[in-house]
N, C-alpha and C. Protein backbone atom coordinates (compact mmCIF):
# COMPACT_ATOMS: atom_id res chain seq x y z
N UNK A 1 7.36 -5.01 -15.61
CA UNK A 1 7.90 -5.85 -14.54
C UNK A 1 7.30 -7.25 -14.61
N UNK A 2 8.05 -8.20 -14.09
CA UNK A 2 7.51 -9.55 -13.91
C UNK A 2 7.14 -9.69 -12.44
N UNK A 3 5.89 -10.04 -12.20
CA UNK A 3 5.35 -10.05 -10.84
C UNK A 3 4.72 -11.41 -10.57
N UNK A 4 5.11 -12.03 -9.46
CA UNK A 4 4.51 -13.29 -9.03
C UNK A 4 3.53 -13.02 -7.90
N UNK A 5 2.38 -13.64 -7.99
CA UNK A 5 1.35 -13.50 -6.96
C UNK A 5 1.04 -14.87 -6.39
N UNK A 6 1.28 -15.04 -5.10
CA UNK A 6 0.93 -16.29 -4.41
C UNK A 6 -0.49 -16.16 -3.89
N UNK A 7 -1.36 -17.01 -4.38
CA UNK A 7 -2.77 -16.94 -4.01
C UNK A 7 -3.60 -16.49 -5.19
N UNK A 8 -4.37 -17.41 -5.75
CA UNK A 8 -5.16 -17.11 -6.95
C UNK A 8 -6.64 -17.00 -6.64
N UNK A 9 -6.96 -16.57 -5.41
CA UNK A 9 -8.35 -16.32 -5.05
C UNK A 9 -8.82 -14.99 -5.62
N UNK A 10 -9.92 -14.49 -5.08
CA UNK A 10 -10.48 -13.25 -5.60
C UNK A 10 -9.48 -12.10 -5.52
N UNK A 11 -8.76 -12.01 -4.38
CA UNK A 11 -7.79 -10.92 -4.20
C UNK A 11 -6.65 -11.05 -5.20
N UNK A 12 -6.06 -12.23 -5.28
CA UNK A 12 -4.94 -12.44 -6.19
C UNK A 12 -5.31 -12.19 -7.64
N UNK A 13 -6.48 -12.68 -8.05
CA UNK A 13 -6.90 -12.48 -9.44
C UNK A 13 -7.18 -11.02 -9.73
N UNK A 14 -7.76 -10.31 -8.76
CA UNK A 14 -8.04 -8.89 -8.97
C UNK A 14 -6.75 -8.09 -9.13
N UNK A 15 -5.76 -8.41 -8.27
CA UNK A 15 -4.46 -7.74 -8.39
C UNK A 15 -3.83 -8.04 -9.74
N UNK A 16 -3.90 -9.30 -10.14
CA UNK A 16 -3.31 -9.72 -11.42
C UNK A 16 -3.94 -8.97 -12.59
N UNK A 17 -5.24 -8.84 -12.58
CA UNK A 17 -5.94 -8.16 -13.67
C UNK A 17 -5.50 -6.70 -13.78
N UNK A 18 -5.41 -6.03 -12.61
CA UNK A 18 -4.99 -4.62 -12.61
C UNK A 18 -3.56 -4.48 -13.14
N UNK A 19 -2.67 -5.37 -12.70
CA UNK A 19 -1.27 -5.28 -13.12
C UNK A 19 -1.11 -5.57 -14.60
N UNK A 20 -1.83 -6.54 -15.11
CA UNK A 20 -1.77 -6.86 -16.54
C UNK A 20 -2.29 -5.69 -17.36
N UNK A 21 -3.37 -5.07 -16.89
CA UNK A 21 -3.90 -3.89 -17.59
C UNK A 21 -2.89 -2.76 -17.63
N UNK A 22 -1.98 -2.75 -16.64
CA UNK A 22 -0.93 -1.71 -16.60
C UNK A 22 0.33 -2.13 -17.33
N UNK A 23 0.27 -3.27 -18.04
CA UNK A 23 1.37 -3.66 -18.90
C UNK A 23 2.41 -4.57 -18.29
N UNK A 24 2.12 -5.17 -17.12
CA UNK A 24 3.11 -6.03 -16.46
C UNK A 24 2.86 -7.50 -16.78
N UNK A 25 3.90 -8.31 -16.64
CA UNK A 25 3.79 -9.76 -16.76
C UNK A 25 3.47 -10.34 -15.38
N UNK A 26 2.49 -11.21 -15.32
CA UNK A 26 2.02 -11.71 -14.02
C UNK A 26 2.01 -13.24 -14.01
N UNK A 27 2.53 -13.77 -12.91
CA UNK A 27 2.52 -15.22 -12.65
C UNK A 27 1.65 -15.46 -11.43
N UNK A 28 0.61 -16.28 -11.57
CA UNK A 28 -0.28 -16.62 -10.46
C UNK A 28 0.04 -18.04 -9.98
N UNK A 29 0.25 -18.17 -8.67
CA UNK A 29 0.61 -19.46 -8.08
C UNK A 29 -0.42 -19.86 -7.03
N UNK A 30 -0.92 -21.08 -7.11
CA UNK A 30 -1.84 -21.59 -6.08
C UNK A 30 -1.72 -23.11 -6.04
N UNK A 31 -1.88 -23.66 -4.83
CA UNK A 31 -1.74 -25.11 -4.68
C UNK A 31 -3.07 -25.83 -4.78
N UNK A 32 -4.17 -25.08 -4.80
CA UNK A 32 -5.49 -25.69 -4.90
C UNK A 32 -5.92 -25.78 -6.36
N UNK A 33 -6.12 -26.99 -6.89
CA UNK A 33 -6.51 -27.12 -8.30
C UNK A 33 -7.78 -26.35 -8.65
N UNK A 34 -8.72 -26.28 -7.71
CA UNK A 34 -9.98 -25.59 -8.02
C UNK A 34 -9.81 -24.08 -8.11
N UNK A 35 -8.66 -23.57 -7.65
CA UNK A 35 -8.42 -22.14 -7.73
C UNK A 35 -7.78 -21.73 -9.05
N UNK A 36 -7.28 -22.70 -9.80
CA UNK A 36 -6.66 -22.37 -11.08
C UNK A 36 -7.76 -22.21 -12.13
N UNK A 37 -8.01 -20.96 -12.46
CA UNK A 37 -9.05 -20.62 -13.43
C UNK A 37 -8.46 -19.68 -14.47
N UNK A 38 -7.66 -20.21 -15.38
CA UNK A 38 -7.00 -19.35 -16.37
C UNK A 38 -7.96 -18.50 -17.19
N UNK A 39 -9.20 -18.98 -17.34
CA UNK A 39 -10.16 -18.20 -18.12
C UNK A 39 -10.52 -16.89 -17.43
N UNK A 40 -10.31 -16.80 -16.10
CA UNK A 40 -10.61 -15.57 -15.36
C UNK A 40 -9.56 -14.48 -15.65
N UNK A 41 -8.31 -14.90 -15.78
CA UNK A 41 -7.23 -13.95 -16.11
C UNK A 41 -6.39 -14.61 -17.21
N UNK A 42 -6.88 -14.58 -18.44
CA UNK A 42 -6.23 -15.37 -19.50
C UNK A 42 -4.83 -14.91 -19.87
N UNK A 43 -4.48 -13.67 -19.57
CA UNK A 43 -3.16 -13.17 -19.96
C UNK A 43 -2.09 -13.44 -18.90
N UNK A 44 -2.48 -14.05 -17.79
CA UNK A 44 -1.51 -14.39 -16.75
C UNK A 44 -0.93 -15.78 -17.00
N UNK A 45 0.24 -16.01 -16.44
CA UNK A 45 0.83 -17.35 -16.41
C UNK A 45 0.35 -18.02 -15.13
N UNK A 46 -0.12 -19.25 -15.23
CA UNK A 46 -0.69 -19.94 -14.07
C UNK A 46 0.17 -21.15 -13.72
N UNK A 47 0.40 -21.32 -12.40
CA UNK A 47 1.20 -22.45 -11.93
C UNK A 47 0.48 -23.11 -10.77
N UNK A 48 0.29 -24.43 -10.86
CA UNK A 48 -0.25 -25.22 -9.77
C UNK A 48 0.91 -25.67 -8.90
N UNK A 49 1.08 -25.04 -7.74
CA UNK A 49 2.23 -25.35 -6.89
C UNK A 49 2.00 -24.77 -5.50
N UNK A 50 2.74 -25.31 -4.55
CA UNK A 50 2.72 -24.79 -3.19
C UNK A 50 3.79 -23.69 -3.08
N UNK A 51 3.35 -22.44 -2.90
CA UNK A 51 4.28 -21.32 -2.86
C UNK A 51 5.16 -21.33 -1.62
N UNK A 52 4.89 -22.22 -0.67
CA UNK A 52 5.74 -22.35 0.51
C UNK A 52 6.85 -23.38 0.30
N UNK A 53 6.86 -24.05 -0.85
CA UNK A 53 7.87 -25.05 -1.16
C UNK A 53 8.98 -24.41 -1.99
N UNK A 54 10.20 -24.53 -1.52
CA UNK A 54 11.33 -23.92 -2.21
C UNK A 54 11.46 -24.42 -3.63
N UNK A 55 11.27 -25.71 -3.83
CA UNK A 55 11.42 -26.29 -5.17
C UNK A 55 10.37 -25.74 -6.13
N UNK A 56 9.16 -25.52 -5.62
CA UNK A 56 8.10 -24.97 -6.46
C UNK A 56 8.46 -23.57 -6.93
N UNK A 57 9.01 -22.78 -6.04
CA UNK A 57 9.39 -21.41 -6.40
C UNK A 57 10.58 -21.39 -7.35
N UNK A 58 11.47 -22.37 -7.20
CA UNK A 58 12.59 -22.48 -8.14
C UNK A 58 12.08 -22.81 -9.53
N UNK A 59 11.13 -23.76 -9.61
CA UNK A 59 10.57 -24.13 -10.91
C UNK A 59 9.82 -22.96 -11.55
N UNK A 60 9.23 -22.10 -10.70
CA UNK A 60 8.51 -20.93 -11.20
C UNK A 60 9.45 -19.78 -11.55
N UNK A 61 10.76 -19.97 -11.35
CA UNK A 61 11.78 -18.96 -11.66
C UNK A 61 11.49 -17.65 -10.92
N UNK A 62 11.30 -17.78 -9.62
CA UNK A 62 10.97 -16.60 -8.82
C UNK A 62 12.11 -15.57 -8.81
N UNK A 63 13.32 -16.04 -9.00
CA UNK A 63 14.46 -15.12 -8.98
C UNK A 63 14.41 -14.11 -10.12
N UNK A 64 13.61 -14.40 -11.14
CA UNK A 64 13.51 -13.47 -12.27
C UNK A 64 12.41 -12.42 -12.06
N UNK A 65 11.74 -12.48 -10.92
CA UNK A 65 10.64 -11.55 -10.66
C UNK A 65 11.15 -10.25 -10.04
N UNK A 66 10.51 -9.17 -10.41
CA UNK A 66 10.82 -7.86 -9.82
C UNK A 66 10.05 -7.65 -8.52
N UNK A 67 8.87 -8.26 -8.44
CA UNK A 67 8.00 -8.12 -7.26
C UNK A 67 7.33 -9.45 -6.98
N UNK A 68 7.18 -9.77 -5.69
CA UNK A 68 6.35 -10.90 -5.27
C UNK A 68 5.26 -10.37 -4.37
N UNK A 69 4.04 -10.81 -4.62
CA UNK A 69 2.90 -10.42 -3.80
C UNK A 69 2.37 -11.68 -3.10
N UNK A 70 2.42 -11.68 -1.77
CA UNK A 70 1.87 -12.78 -0.98
C UNK A 70 0.43 -12.42 -0.65
N UNK A 71 -0.51 -13.01 -1.39
CA UNK A 71 -1.90 -12.54 -1.33
C UNK A 71 -2.88 -13.63 -0.93
N UNK A 72 -2.40 -14.65 -0.22
CA UNK A 72 -3.31 -15.71 0.19
C UNK A 72 -4.16 -15.25 1.38
N UNK A 73 -5.13 -16.05 1.73
CA UNK A 73 -5.98 -15.73 2.86
C UNK A 73 -5.45 -16.22 4.19
N UNK A 74 -4.20 -16.71 4.20
CA UNK A 74 -3.59 -17.25 5.41
C UNK A 74 -2.32 -16.46 5.73
N UNK A 75 -2.25 -15.85 6.89
CA UNK A 75 -1.10 -15.02 7.25
C UNK A 75 0.18 -15.82 7.36
N UNK A 76 0.11 -17.04 7.87
CA UNK A 76 1.33 -17.86 7.99
C UNK A 76 1.92 -18.14 6.61
N UNK A 77 1.07 -18.46 5.68
CA UNK A 77 1.54 -18.71 4.32
C UNK A 77 2.17 -17.46 3.73
N UNK A 78 1.54 -16.33 3.92
CA UNK A 78 2.07 -15.08 3.36
C UNK A 78 3.44 -14.73 3.94
N UNK A 79 3.63 -15.02 5.23
CA UNK A 79 4.93 -14.77 5.85
C UNK A 79 6.01 -15.69 5.28
N UNK A 80 5.68 -16.95 5.11
CA UNK A 80 6.66 -17.91 4.57
C UNK A 80 7.02 -17.54 3.14
N UNK A 81 6.02 -17.23 2.33
CA UNK A 81 6.28 -16.83 0.95
C UNK A 81 7.18 -15.59 0.90
N UNK A 82 6.89 -14.63 1.76
CA UNK A 82 7.69 -13.39 1.79
C UNK A 82 9.14 -13.68 2.16
N UNK A 83 9.33 -14.50 3.18
CA UNK A 83 10.68 -14.82 3.64
C UNK A 83 11.47 -15.55 2.57
N UNK A 84 10.84 -16.53 1.92
CA UNK A 84 11.53 -17.27 0.86
C UNK A 84 11.86 -16.36 -0.32
N UNK A 85 10.91 -15.51 -0.69
CA UNK A 85 11.14 -14.62 -1.84
C UNK A 85 12.33 -13.71 -1.60
N UNK A 86 12.44 -13.20 -0.38
CA UNK A 86 13.50 -12.24 -0.09
C UNK A 86 14.85 -12.92 0.17
N UNK A 87 14.85 -13.97 0.98
CA UNK A 87 16.12 -14.57 1.40
C UNK A 87 16.68 -15.58 0.41
N UNK A 88 15.81 -16.33 -0.26
CA UNK A 88 16.28 -17.38 -1.17
C UNK A 88 16.39 -16.90 -2.62
N UNK A 89 15.56 -15.92 -2.99
CA UNK A 89 15.53 -15.51 -4.39
C UNK A 89 15.87 -14.04 -4.59
N UNK A 90 16.12 -13.32 -3.49
CA UNK A 90 16.55 -11.92 -3.56
C UNK A 90 15.61 -11.06 -4.41
N UNK A 91 14.32 -11.29 -4.25
CA UNK A 91 13.34 -10.48 -4.98
C UNK A 91 13.40 -9.05 -4.45
N UNK A 92 13.52 -8.05 -5.31
CA UNK A 92 13.72 -6.67 -4.84
C UNK A 92 12.58 -6.12 -4.00
N UNK A 93 11.34 -6.51 -4.31
CA UNK A 93 10.19 -5.91 -3.63
C UNK A 93 9.18 -7.00 -3.27
N UNK A 94 8.84 -7.08 -2.00
CA UNK A 94 7.88 -8.08 -1.53
C UNK A 94 6.73 -7.37 -0.83
N UNK A 95 5.54 -7.63 -1.31
CA UNK A 95 4.32 -7.04 -0.75
C UNK A 95 3.48 -8.17 -0.17
N UNK A 96 3.01 -8.00 1.06
CA UNK A 96 2.27 -9.08 1.73
C UNK A 96 0.92 -8.60 2.23
N UNK A 97 -0.06 -9.44 2.06
CA UNK A 97 -1.41 -9.18 2.56
C UNK A 97 -1.52 -9.64 4.01
N UNK A 98 -2.06 -8.77 4.87
CA UNK A 98 -2.33 -9.11 6.27
C UNK A 98 -3.83 -9.34 6.41
N UNK A 99 -4.20 -10.55 6.83
CA UNK A 99 -5.61 -10.88 6.93
C UNK A 99 -6.20 -10.58 8.31
N UNK A 100 -5.40 -10.79 9.34
CA UNK A 100 -5.86 -10.59 10.70
C UNK A 100 -5.05 -9.48 11.36
N UNK A 101 -5.74 -8.48 11.88
CA UNK A 101 -5.08 -7.28 12.42
C UNK A 101 -4.07 -7.62 13.51
N UNK A 102 -4.34 -8.65 14.30
CA UNK A 102 -3.44 -8.98 15.41
C UNK A 102 -2.11 -9.57 14.93
N UNK A 103 -2.03 -9.93 13.64
CA UNK A 103 -0.78 -10.46 13.09
C UNK A 103 0.06 -9.40 12.40
N UNK A 104 -0.42 -8.19 12.34
CA UNK A 104 0.26 -7.16 11.55
C UNK A 104 1.69 -6.92 12.02
N UNK A 105 1.95 -7.04 13.31
CA UNK A 105 3.28 -6.76 13.85
C UNK A 105 4.34 -7.72 13.31
N UNK A 106 3.91 -8.87 12.81
CA UNK A 106 4.86 -9.85 12.29
C UNK A 106 5.39 -9.50 10.90
N UNK A 107 4.66 -8.69 10.18
CA UNK A 107 4.98 -8.43 8.78
C UNK A 107 6.04 -7.34 8.67
N UNK A 108 7.26 -7.72 8.96
CA UNK A 108 8.38 -6.78 9.00
C UNK A 108 9.48 -7.23 8.05
N UNK A 109 10.56 -6.43 7.99
CA UNK A 109 11.69 -6.78 7.15
C UNK A 109 12.35 -8.09 7.58
N UNK A 110 12.23 -8.42 8.87
CA UNK A 110 12.80 -9.68 9.34
C UNK A 110 12.13 -10.89 8.66
N UNK A 111 10.90 -10.71 8.23
CA UNK A 111 10.19 -11.76 7.50
C UNK A 111 10.21 -11.51 5.99
N UNK A 112 11.04 -10.58 5.55
CA UNK A 112 11.19 -10.33 4.12
C UNK A 112 10.15 -9.41 3.52
N UNK A 113 9.33 -8.80 4.36
CA UNK A 113 8.22 -7.96 3.86
C UNK A 113 8.69 -6.52 3.70
N UNK A 114 8.57 -5.99 2.50
CA UNK A 114 8.87 -4.58 2.26
C UNK A 114 7.64 -3.71 2.54
N UNK A 115 6.49 -4.16 2.09
CA UNK A 115 5.24 -3.42 2.30
C UNK A 115 4.16 -4.40 2.71
N UNK A 116 3.48 -4.11 3.82
CA UNK A 116 2.35 -4.93 4.23
C UNK A 116 1.06 -4.15 4.01
N UNK A 117 0.04 -4.85 3.59
CA UNK A 117 -1.26 -4.23 3.35
C UNK A 117 -2.27 -4.93 4.24
N UNK A 118 -2.72 -4.21 5.25
CA UNK A 118 -3.67 -4.76 6.21
C UNK A 118 -5.08 -4.36 5.82
N UNK A 119 -5.89 -5.32 5.42
CA UNK A 119 -7.26 -4.99 5.03
C UNK A 119 -8.06 -4.40 6.19
N UNK A 120 -7.96 -4.96 7.42
CA UNK A 120 -8.71 -4.34 8.52
C UNK A 120 -8.27 -2.91 8.79
N UNK A 121 -6.96 -2.66 8.79
CA UNK A 121 -6.47 -1.30 9.04
C UNK A 121 -6.89 -0.36 7.92
N UNK A 122 -6.80 -0.83 6.68
CA UNK A 122 -7.16 0.02 5.56
C UNK A 122 -8.64 0.38 5.59
N UNK A 123 -9.48 -0.60 5.91
CA UNK A 123 -10.92 -0.33 6.00
C UNK A 123 -11.20 0.69 7.09
N UNK A 124 -10.55 0.53 8.24
CA UNK A 124 -10.76 1.47 9.34
C UNK A 124 -10.29 2.87 8.94
N UNK A 125 -9.14 2.95 8.24
CA UNK A 125 -8.63 4.25 7.82
C UNK A 125 -9.56 4.92 6.83
N UNK A 126 -10.13 4.13 5.91
CA UNK A 126 -11.04 4.71 4.93
C UNK A 126 -12.33 5.21 5.58
N UNK A 127 -12.79 4.48 6.61
CA UNK A 127 -13.97 4.96 7.34
C UNK A 127 -13.66 6.28 8.03
N UNK A 128 -12.50 6.33 8.71
CA UNK A 128 -12.10 7.57 9.38
C UNK A 128 -11.97 8.71 8.39
N UNK A 129 -11.34 8.42 7.26
CA UNK A 129 -11.12 9.46 6.25
C UNK A 129 -12.44 10.01 5.73
N UNK A 130 -13.46 9.14 5.66
CA UNK A 130 -14.74 9.55 5.10
C UNK A 130 -15.53 10.45 6.04
N UNK A 131 -15.30 10.32 7.34
CA UNK A 131 -16.16 11.03 8.30
C UNK A 131 -15.42 12.05 9.15
N UNK A 132 -14.10 12.12 9.04
CA UNK A 132 -13.32 12.95 9.95
C UNK A 132 -12.85 14.23 9.26
N UNK A 133 -13.11 15.37 9.89
CA UNK A 133 -12.61 16.66 9.43
C UNK A 133 -11.76 17.25 10.55
N UNK A 134 -10.59 17.77 10.18
CA UNK A 134 -9.74 18.42 11.18
C UNK A 134 -8.93 17.47 12.02
N UNK A 135 -8.75 16.24 11.57
CA UNK A 135 -7.88 15.29 12.26
C UNK A 135 -7.00 14.60 11.24
N UNK A 136 -5.84 14.16 11.69
CA UNK A 136 -4.93 13.43 10.82
C UNK A 136 -5.31 11.95 10.81
N UNK A 137 -5.46 11.39 9.62
CA UNK A 137 -5.82 9.98 9.46
C UNK A 137 -4.70 9.28 8.71
N UNK A 138 -4.15 8.24 9.29
CA UNK A 138 -3.09 7.48 8.62
C UNK A 138 -3.74 6.47 7.68
N UNK A 139 -3.40 6.58 6.39
CA UNK A 139 -4.00 5.71 5.39
C UNK A 139 -3.17 4.47 5.11
N UNK A 140 -1.85 4.64 5.11
CA UNK A 140 -0.99 3.52 4.72
C UNK A 140 0.41 3.75 5.27
N UNK A 141 1.11 2.65 5.53
CA UNK A 141 2.50 2.70 6.00
C UNK A 141 3.41 2.13 4.93
N UNK A 142 4.51 2.84 4.66
CA UNK A 142 5.50 2.39 3.70
C UNK A 142 6.78 2.00 4.42
N UNK A 143 7.47 1.02 3.86
CA UNK A 143 8.81 0.65 4.33
C UNK A 143 8.86 0.42 5.83
N UNK A 144 7.91 -0.36 6.32
CA UNK A 144 7.90 -0.76 7.72
C UNK A 144 7.96 0.41 8.69
N UNK A 145 7.11 1.39 8.45
CA UNK A 145 6.96 2.48 9.40
C UNK A 145 7.89 3.64 9.19
N UNK A 146 8.77 3.57 8.18
CA UNK A 146 9.68 4.69 7.94
C UNK A 146 8.97 5.89 7.32
N UNK A 147 7.85 5.64 6.66
CA UNK A 147 7.07 6.74 6.08
C UNK A 147 5.61 6.31 6.02
N UNK A 148 4.72 7.29 6.19
CA UNK A 148 3.29 7.02 6.18
C UNK A 148 2.58 7.93 5.18
N UNK A 149 1.49 7.42 4.65
CA UNK A 149 0.58 8.23 3.85
C UNK A 149 -0.56 8.66 4.77
N UNK A 150 -0.72 9.98 4.95
CA UNK A 150 -1.71 10.48 5.89
C UNK A 150 -2.59 11.52 5.20
N UNK A 151 -3.75 11.76 5.79
CA UNK A 151 -4.71 12.69 5.20
C UNK A 151 -5.30 13.59 6.27
N UNK A 152 -5.49 14.86 5.92
CA UNK A 152 -6.19 15.81 6.78
C UNK A 152 -7.22 16.53 5.93
N UNK A 153 -8.48 16.51 6.35
CA UNK A 153 -9.51 17.30 5.68
C UNK A 153 -9.54 18.67 6.32
N UNK A 154 -9.37 19.69 5.51
CA UNK A 154 -9.15 21.04 6.00
C UNK A 154 -10.47 21.67 6.49
N UNK A 155 -10.55 22.01 7.79
CA UNK A 155 -11.76 22.67 8.29
C UNK A 155 -11.77 24.16 7.90
N UNK A 156 -12.94 24.79 7.93
CA UNK A 156 -13.02 26.19 7.49
C UNK A 156 -12.16 27.14 8.31
N UNK A 157 -11.90 26.83 9.57
CA UNK A 157 -11.14 27.74 10.43
C UNK A 157 -9.64 27.45 10.45
N UNK A 158 -9.16 26.58 9.57
CA UNK A 158 -7.72 26.28 9.52
C UNK A 158 -6.97 27.53 9.07
N UNK A 159 -5.77 27.76 9.60
CA UNK A 159 -5.07 29.03 9.35
C UNK A 159 -4.63 29.27 7.92
N UNK A 160 -4.48 28.21 7.11
CA UNK A 160 -3.98 28.41 5.75
C UNK A 160 -5.06 28.30 4.69
N UNK A 161 -6.32 28.29 5.09
CA UNK A 161 -7.41 28.34 4.12
C UNK A 161 -7.32 29.66 3.36
N UNK A 162 -7.35 29.58 2.03
CA UNK A 162 -7.25 30.77 1.20
C UNK A 162 -5.85 31.21 0.90
N UNK A 163 -4.87 30.53 1.44
CA UNK A 163 -3.48 30.90 1.21
C UNK A 163 -2.80 29.86 0.31
N UNK A 164 -1.75 30.26 -0.42
CA UNK A 164 -1.09 29.32 -1.32
C UNK A 164 -0.26 28.29 -0.57
N UNK A 165 0.00 27.19 -1.24
CA UNK A 165 0.76 26.08 -0.65
C UNK A 165 2.13 26.56 -0.15
N UNK A 166 2.73 27.51 -0.87
CA UNK A 166 4.07 27.96 -0.48
C UNK A 166 4.12 28.56 0.92
N UNK A 167 2.98 29.02 1.43
CA UNK A 167 2.96 29.65 2.75
C UNK A 167 2.94 28.64 3.89
N UNK A 168 2.72 27.38 3.57
CA UNK A 168 2.57 26.37 4.63
C UNK A 168 3.96 25.88 5.05
N UNK A 169 4.38 26.14 6.29
CA UNK A 169 5.73 25.77 6.74
C UNK A 169 5.80 24.31 7.22
N UNK A 170 5.77 23.40 6.28
CA UNK A 170 5.79 21.98 6.65
C UNK A 170 7.14 21.61 7.26
N UNK A 171 7.13 20.69 8.22
CA UNK A 171 8.40 20.25 8.82
C UNK A 171 9.20 19.39 7.85
N UNK A 172 10.48 19.18 8.19
CA UNK A 172 11.31 18.27 7.42
C UNK A 172 10.68 16.87 7.43
N UNK A 173 11.02 16.08 6.42
CA UNK A 173 10.54 14.70 6.30
C UNK A 173 9.03 14.65 6.10
N UNK A 174 8.47 15.67 5.44
CA UNK A 174 7.05 15.65 5.10
C UNK A 174 6.87 16.35 3.77
N UNK A 175 5.86 15.91 3.01
CA UNK A 175 5.58 16.51 1.71
C UNK A 175 4.09 16.40 1.42
N UNK A 176 3.53 17.48 0.93
CA UNK A 176 2.14 17.48 0.45
C UNK A 176 2.16 16.93 -0.97
N UNK A 177 1.53 15.77 -1.18
CA UNK A 177 1.63 15.09 -2.48
C UNK A 177 0.36 15.21 -3.31
N UNK A 178 -0.77 15.54 -2.69
CA UNK A 178 -2.01 15.66 -3.46
C UNK A 178 -3.03 16.47 -2.68
N UNK A 179 -3.87 17.17 -3.43
CA UNK A 179 -5.04 17.83 -2.87
C UNK A 179 -6.26 17.25 -3.57
N UNK A 180 -7.16 16.66 -2.80
CA UNK A 180 -8.40 16.13 -3.36
C UNK A 180 -9.49 17.16 -3.09
N UNK A 181 -10.03 17.71 -4.15
CA UNK A 181 -11.03 18.76 -4.04
C UNK A 181 -12.26 18.33 -4.84
N UNK A 182 -13.28 17.82 -4.12
CA UNK A 182 -14.44 17.30 -4.81
C UNK A 182 -14.05 16.09 -5.63
N UNK A 183 -14.31 16.15 -6.94
CA UNK A 183 -13.97 15.03 -7.83
C UNK A 183 -12.61 15.22 -8.48
N UNK A 184 -11.89 16.29 -8.11
CA UNK A 184 -10.59 16.57 -8.71
C UNK A 184 -9.45 16.11 -7.82
N UNK A 185 -8.37 15.67 -8.46
CA UNK A 185 -7.12 15.38 -7.76
C UNK A 185 -6.08 16.35 -8.30
N UNK A 186 -5.53 17.18 -7.41
CA UNK A 186 -4.62 18.24 -7.81
C UNK A 186 -3.21 17.90 -7.34
N UNK A 187 -2.26 17.91 -8.27
CA UNK A 187 -0.84 17.82 -7.89
C UNK A 187 -0.42 19.22 -7.47
N UNK A 188 -0.19 19.44 -6.19
CA UNK A 188 -0.04 20.80 -5.69
C UNK A 188 1.23 21.50 -6.21
N UNK A 189 1.05 22.75 -6.62
CA UNK A 189 2.17 23.62 -6.94
C UNK A 189 2.23 24.71 -5.87
N UNK A 190 3.34 25.43 -5.76
CA UNK A 190 3.45 26.46 -4.72
C UNK A 190 2.37 27.52 -4.79
N UNK A 191 1.80 27.75 -5.98
CA UNK A 191 0.82 28.82 -6.14
C UNK A 191 -0.62 28.37 -5.88
N UNK A 192 -0.85 27.09 -5.73
CA UNK A 192 -2.23 26.60 -5.53
C UNK A 192 -2.76 27.03 -4.17
N UNK A 193 -3.93 27.69 -4.13
CA UNK A 193 -4.52 28.06 -2.84
C UNK A 193 -5.23 26.87 -2.21
N UNK A 194 -5.24 26.85 -0.89
CA UNK A 194 -5.98 25.82 -0.16
C UNK A 194 -7.39 26.31 0.11
N UNK A 195 -8.35 25.36 0.08
CA UNK A 195 -9.75 25.69 0.32
C UNK A 195 -10.31 24.82 1.44
N UNK A 196 -11.28 25.37 2.16
CA UNK A 196 -11.96 24.58 3.19
C UNK A 196 -12.58 23.35 2.55
N UNK A 197 -12.43 22.22 3.21
CA UNK A 197 -12.94 20.96 2.69
C UNK A 197 -11.95 20.19 1.85
N UNK A 198 -10.81 20.82 1.51
CA UNK A 198 -9.77 20.08 0.77
C UNK A 198 -9.29 18.89 1.59
N UNK A 199 -9.08 17.77 0.92
CA UNK A 199 -8.42 16.62 1.55
C UNK A 199 -6.95 16.69 1.18
N UNK A 200 -6.11 16.98 2.15
CA UNK A 200 -4.68 17.11 1.93
C UNK A 200 -4.00 15.78 2.22
N UNK A 201 -3.28 15.28 1.25
CA UNK A 201 -2.61 13.98 1.39
C UNK A 201 -1.11 14.22 1.48
N UNK A 202 -0.51 13.71 2.55
CA UNK A 202 0.91 13.90 2.81
C UNK A 202 1.63 12.55 2.88
N UNK A 203 2.91 12.58 2.53
CA UNK A 203 3.83 11.50 2.89
C UNK A 203 4.78 12.07 3.92
N UNK A 204 4.89 11.41 5.07
CA UNK A 204 5.77 11.92 6.12
C UNK A 204 6.22 10.77 7.02
N UNK A 205 7.26 11.00 7.77
CA UNK A 205 7.69 10.01 8.76
C UNK A 205 6.76 10.07 9.96
N UNK A 206 6.71 8.99 10.72
CA UNK A 206 5.84 8.95 11.89
C UNK A 206 6.23 10.02 12.91
N UNK A 207 7.52 10.35 12.96
CA UNK A 207 8.00 11.31 13.95
C UNK A 207 7.43 12.71 13.76
N UNK A 208 7.06 13.05 12.51
CA UNK A 208 6.61 14.42 12.26
C UNK A 208 5.10 14.51 12.01
N UNK A 209 4.39 13.41 12.19
CA UNK A 209 2.94 13.46 11.97
C UNK A 209 2.26 14.53 12.83
N UNK A 210 2.62 14.56 14.11
CA UNK A 210 2.02 15.56 15.00
C UNK A 210 2.37 16.97 14.57
N UNK A 211 3.61 17.17 14.11
CA UNK A 211 4.02 18.49 13.66
C UNK A 211 3.23 18.92 12.43
N UNK A 212 2.99 18.01 11.51
CA UNK A 212 2.18 18.31 10.32
C UNK A 212 0.77 18.70 10.75
N UNK A 213 0.19 17.92 11.65
CA UNK A 213 -1.17 18.23 12.11
C UNK A 213 -1.24 19.60 12.79
N UNK A 214 -0.25 19.92 13.59
CA UNK A 214 -0.23 21.20 14.29
C UNK A 214 -0.12 22.37 13.31
N UNK A 215 0.72 22.20 12.29
CA UNK A 215 0.88 23.29 11.30
C UNK A 215 -0.41 23.48 10.52
N UNK A 216 -0.97 22.40 10.01
CA UNK A 216 -2.14 22.52 9.13
C UNK A 216 -3.35 23.02 9.88
N UNK A 217 -3.50 22.60 11.14
CA UNK A 217 -4.70 22.97 11.90
C UNK A 217 -4.47 24.17 12.81
N UNK A 218 -3.23 24.68 12.86
CA UNK A 218 -2.96 25.85 13.68
C UNK A 218 -3.01 25.58 15.15
N UNK A 219 -2.57 24.40 15.58
CA UNK A 219 -2.60 24.05 16.99
C UNK A 219 -1.35 24.58 17.69
N UNK A 220 -1.47 24.87 18.96
CA UNK A 220 -0.31 25.31 19.74
C UNK A 220 0.59 24.13 20.04
């Protein structure tokens, strides 16, 4: 894929490095001359430009990109970049960084955002995931709330401990996508037994999160 990243700071460069390592073409855009450090990510294409300027994005051929990542440290800039990418250049996928938790509600499809990544929310979710057993923890939201990535750490008294995955009557619009057991990540098959302490990772809609929690934990 060809991927444009607005913001060549630490976050933007880190994303670029990971994507290049995965075989993608990456374009880094920043308006600050001191942020252009091609030696940090030599395999990326670098552009000195204001990503909020339509003409700059036209010169960067944004319409040829499969994904745009708005990764600056300013939420207003990320919203403008997202809106321009989606409405002016019809970029199929727009991912935006949310810097301040109180601005998260703005990062919607109306602003051209397909996926928002909130660092404060993600940090809070990871803390919860690390210390919480027997509760559902939302890790990430996809497609503006239409689906969530959630996790439940299985307590010893959960009803399906020792039983195979096939026995778990999950509700519609939910799927068990991974079992994290110690240092292992297991792609669950119907025959895999569940064990106390397993971290069960689900993709489900927000409407059925409570139903998933009730089934897994045996709640009335």
